N, C-alpha and C. Protein backbone atom coordinates (compact mmCIF):
# COMPACT_ATOMS: atom_id res chain seq x y z
N MET A 1 83.17 46.85 94.97
CA MET A 1 83.74 47.69 95.99
C MET A 1 82.80 47.77 97.18
N ASP A 2 83.40 47.78 98.33
CA ASP A 2 82.61 47.85 99.55
C ASP A 2 82.67 49.27 100.09
N ASP A 3 81.51 49.88 100.32
CA ASP A 3 81.44 51.26 100.79
C ASP A 3 81.22 51.34 102.30
N ARG A 4 81.84 50.46 103.05
CA ARG A 4 81.70 50.52 104.50
C ARG A 4 82.53 51.66 105.07
N ARG A 5 81.97 52.34 106.06
CA ARG A 5 82.69 53.41 106.74
C ARG A 5 83.24 52.88 108.04
N LEU A 6 84.35 53.48 108.43
CA LEU A 6 84.91 53.15 109.73
C LEU A 6 84.31 54.13 110.73
N ASP A 7 83.39 53.65 111.54
CA ASP A 7 82.75 54.52 112.52
C ASP A 7 83.62 54.62 113.76
N ILE A 8 84.02 55.83 114.06
CA ILE A 8 84.85 56.09 115.23
C ILE A 8 83.94 56.65 116.31
N PRO A 9 84.02 56.14 117.53
CA PRO A 9 83.16 56.69 118.60
C PRO A 9 83.59 58.10 118.96
N TRP A 10 82.72 58.78 119.72
CA TRP A 10 82.98 60.19 120.06
C TRP A 10 84.28 60.34 120.82
N TRP A 11 84.59 59.43 121.72
CA TRP A 11 85.83 59.55 122.49
C TRP A 11 87.05 59.29 121.62
N GLY A 12 86.88 58.48 120.59
CA GLY A 12 87.98 58.24 119.66
C GLY A 12 88.27 59.47 118.81
N LYS A 13 87.21 60.17 118.42
CA LYS A 13 87.38 61.41 117.67
C LYS A 13 88.07 62.46 118.53
N MET A 14 87.66 62.55 119.81
CA MET A 14 88.29 63.51 120.71
C MET A 14 89.76 63.16 120.93
N LEU A 15 90.05 61.89 121.10
CA LEU A 15 91.43 61.46 121.31
C LEU A 15 92.28 61.72 120.08
N LEU A 16 91.75 61.39 118.91
CA LEU A 16 92.48 61.63 117.67
C LEU A 16 92.71 63.13 117.44
N GLY A 17 91.70 63.96 117.70
CA GLY A 17 91.86 65.41 117.57
C GLY A 17 92.84 65.96 118.58
N GLY A 18 92.79 65.47 119.81
CA GLY A 18 93.72 65.92 120.83
C GLY A 18 95.15 65.55 120.49
N ILE A 19 95.37 64.35 119.97
CA ILE A 19 96.72 63.95 119.55
C ILE A 19 97.20 64.83 118.40
N GLY A 20 96.31 65.13 117.47
CA GLY A 20 96.67 66.01 116.36
C GLY A 20 97.06 67.40 116.83
N ILE A 21 96.28 67.96 117.75
CA ILE A 21 96.60 69.29 118.29
C ILE A 21 97.93 69.26 119.02
N PHE A 22 98.17 68.19 119.83
CA PHE A 22 99.43 68.08 120.55
C PHE A 22 100.61 67.99 119.59
N LEU A 23 100.48 67.19 118.55
CA LEU A 23 101.59 67.04 117.60
C LEU A 23 101.87 68.35 116.86
N ILE A 24 100.81 69.05 116.46
CA ILE A 24 101.01 70.33 115.78
C ILE A 24 101.64 71.33 116.73
N TRP A 25 101.17 71.38 117.98
CA TRP A 25 101.72 72.34 118.95
C TRP A 25 103.17 72.01 119.29
N LYS A 26 103.49 70.72 119.40
CA LYS A 26 104.82 70.31 119.83
C LYS A 26 105.85 70.44 118.72
N PHE A 27 105.49 70.11 117.50
CA PHE A 27 106.47 70.01 116.42
C PHE A 27 106.37 71.11 115.37
N THR A 28 105.47 72.07 115.55
CA THR A 28 105.34 73.17 114.61
C THR A 28 105.64 74.47 115.34
N PRO A 29 106.50 75.30 114.79
CA PRO A 29 106.83 76.58 115.45
C PRO A 29 105.70 77.59 115.27
N ILE A 30 104.66 77.46 116.10
CA ILE A 30 103.46 78.28 115.97
C ILE A 30 103.79 79.77 116.12
N LEU A 31 104.58 80.11 117.12
CA LEU A 31 104.87 81.53 117.34
C LEU A 31 105.66 82.14 116.19
N GLN A 32 106.57 81.38 115.61
CA GLN A 32 107.33 81.90 114.47
C GLN A 32 106.42 82.09 113.26
N ILE A 33 105.47 81.18 113.07
CA ILE A 33 104.54 81.31 111.95
C ILE A 33 103.65 82.54 112.15
N LEU A 34 103.19 82.77 113.37
CA LEU A 34 102.38 83.96 113.64
C LEU A 34 103.19 85.23 113.46
N GLN A 35 104.46 85.20 113.86
CA GLN A 35 105.32 86.37 113.70
C GLN A 35 105.57 86.65 112.21
N LEU A 36 105.80 85.61 111.42
CA LEU A 36 105.99 85.80 109.99
C LEU A 36 104.72 86.34 109.34
N THR A 37 103.56 85.85 109.77
CA THR A 37 102.30 86.37 109.25
C THR A 37 102.17 87.86 109.57
N PHE A 38 102.57 88.24 110.78
CA PHE A 38 102.52 89.65 111.17
C PHE A 38 103.42 90.48 110.27
N TYR A 39 104.65 90.02 110.04
CA TYR A 39 105.60 90.78 109.22
C TYR A 39 105.21 90.80 107.75
N ILE A 40 104.69 89.70 107.23
CA ILE A 40 104.43 89.60 105.80
C ILE A 40 103.08 90.19 105.42
N VAL A 41 102.08 90.09 106.28
CA VAL A 41 100.73 90.51 105.93
C VAL A 41 100.33 91.81 106.61
N LEU A 42 100.44 91.86 107.92
CA LEU A 42 99.85 92.98 108.65
C LEU A 42 100.64 94.27 108.51
N ILE A 43 101.95 94.22 108.57
CA ILE A 43 102.73 95.45 108.47
C ILE A 43 102.55 96.11 107.10
N PRO A 44 102.65 95.38 105.97
CA PRO A 44 102.38 96.06 104.69
C PRO A 44 100.94 96.56 104.59
N LEU A 45 99.99 95.84 105.16
CA LEU A 45 98.60 96.30 105.13
C LEU A 45 98.44 97.59 105.92
N LEU A 46 99.06 97.67 107.08
CA LEU A 46 98.99 98.90 107.87
C LEU A 46 99.72 100.04 107.19
N LEU A 47 100.82 99.74 106.50
CA LEU A 47 101.54 100.77 105.75
C LEU A 47 100.66 101.33 104.63
N LEU A 48 99.98 100.45 103.91
CA LEU A 48 99.09 100.92 102.85
C LEU A 48 97.93 101.74 103.42
N ALA A 49 97.42 101.34 104.58
CA ALA A 49 96.34 102.12 105.20
C ALA A 49 96.84 103.51 105.59
N ALA A 50 98.07 103.58 106.13
CA ALA A 50 98.62 104.88 106.52
C ALA A 50 98.84 105.76 105.29
N ILE A 51 99.35 105.18 104.21
CA ILE A 51 99.54 105.94 102.97
C ILE A 51 98.20 106.43 102.44
N GLY A 52 97.17 105.59 102.54
CA GLY A 52 95.83 105.99 102.12
C GLY A 52 95.29 107.14 102.94
N LEU A 53 95.55 107.14 104.25
CA LEU A 53 95.10 108.25 105.09
C LEU A 53 95.81 109.54 104.73
N VAL A 54 97.12 109.46 104.46
CA VAL A 54 97.86 110.65 104.06
C VAL A 54 97.32 111.18 102.74
N GLY A 55 97.08 110.30 101.78
CA GLY A 55 96.55 110.72 100.49
C GLY A 55 95.17 111.33 100.60
N ARG A 56 94.32 110.71 101.41
CA ARG A 56 92.97 111.24 101.57
C ARG A 56 93.00 112.61 102.24
N GLY A 57 93.84 112.76 103.25
CA GLY A 57 93.96 114.05 103.92
C GLY A 57 94.48 115.13 102.98
N ALA A 58 95.45 114.76 102.13
CA ALA A 58 95.99 115.73 101.18
C ALA A 58 94.93 116.15 100.17
N VAL A 59 94.16 115.21 99.67
CA VAL A 59 93.11 115.54 98.70
C VAL A 59 92.06 116.43 99.35
N GLU A 60 91.66 116.11 100.59
CA GLU A 60 90.68 116.95 101.28
C GLU A 60 91.23 118.35 101.53
N GLY A 61 92.52 118.45 101.87
CA GLY A 61 93.13 119.76 102.10
C GLY A 61 93.17 120.59 100.84
N PHE A 62 93.59 119.98 99.73
CA PHE A 62 93.64 120.71 98.46
C PHE A 62 92.25 121.10 98.00
N THR A 63 91.29 120.20 98.15
CA THR A 63 89.92 120.50 97.74
C THR A 63 89.34 121.64 98.58
N GLY A 64 89.56 121.58 99.90
CA GLY A 64 89.06 122.65 100.76
C GLY A 64 89.73 123.99 100.47
N GLY A 65 91.03 123.97 100.22
CA GLY A 65 91.73 125.20 99.88
C GLY A 65 91.28 125.78 98.56
N PHE A 66 91.06 124.92 97.57
CA PHE A 66 90.60 125.38 96.26
C PHE A 66 89.19 125.97 96.37
N ALA A 67 88.32 125.28 97.13
CA ALA A 67 86.95 125.78 97.29
C ALA A 67 86.95 127.13 98.02
N ALA A 68 87.79 127.27 99.04
CA ALA A 68 87.86 128.55 99.77
C ALA A 68 88.40 129.65 98.86
N THR A 69 89.38 129.35 98.04
CA THR A 69 89.93 130.34 97.12
C THR A 69 88.88 130.77 96.09
N MET A 70 88.14 129.82 95.55
CA MET A 70 87.11 130.14 94.56
C MET A 70 85.99 130.96 95.20
N GLU A 71 85.63 130.65 96.44
CA GLU A 71 84.59 131.40 97.14
C GLU A 71 85.05 132.84 97.39
N ALA A 72 86.30 133.01 97.81
CA ALA A 72 86.83 134.36 98.05
C ALA A 72 86.89 135.14 96.75
N ALA A 73 87.28 134.50 95.66
CA ALA A 73 87.34 135.19 94.36
C ALA A 73 85.95 135.59 93.89
N ARG A 74 84.96 134.72 94.15
CA ARG A 74 83.59 135.03 93.74
C ARG A 74 83.05 136.22 94.54
N HIS A 75 83.31 136.25 95.83
CA HIS A 75 82.87 137.39 96.64
C HIS A 75 83.55 138.68 96.20
N ARG A 76 84.83 138.60 95.90
CA ARG A 76 85.57 139.79 95.46
C ARG A 76 85.04 140.29 94.12
N ALA A 77 84.73 139.32 93.21
CA ALA A 77 84.18 139.71 91.91
C ALA A 77 82.81 140.34 92.07
N GLU A 78 81.99 139.83 92.99
CA GLU A 78 80.67 140.41 93.23
C GLU A 78 80.80 141.81 93.81
N GLU A 79 81.77 142.01 94.71
CA GLU A 79 82.00 143.35 95.26
C GLU A 79 82.41 144.34 94.18
N LEU A 80 83.27 143.91 93.28
CA LEU A 80 83.73 144.80 92.22
C LEU A 80 82.65 145.06 91.18
N ALA A 81 81.72 144.14 91.02
CA ALA A 81 80.67 144.26 90.01
C ALA A 81 79.55 145.21 90.46
N GLN A 82 79.41 145.39 91.75
CA GLN A 82 78.34 146.27 92.24
C GLN A 82 78.73 147.74 91.99
N PRO A 83 77.72 148.53 91.59
CA PRO A 83 78.02 149.96 91.38
C PRO A 83 78.28 150.65 92.71
N GLN A 84 79.24 151.51 92.69
CA GLN A 84 79.59 152.22 93.91
C GLN A 84 78.69 153.43 94.09
N GLN A 85 78.31 153.74 95.29
CA GLN A 85 77.38 154.82 95.55
C GLN A 85 78.07 156.05 96.03
């Protein structure tokens, strides 16, 4: 077997790459592919991020409310535990 390489000059590589880009741009619906990517990937990802923000906010709200309730109950219990003068 002969392991010779086909050496393409720099201008040949540029020409071949340019023809490839032209063919892909001309015969491939680039904008439709980008739009499908937006609908299939980005919108569900943004929906999950929004759901995560709602969940995180709800957890922080419940935690803050519970902590405030426990603090108020502790203060009230301390007030009731002190002897009255």
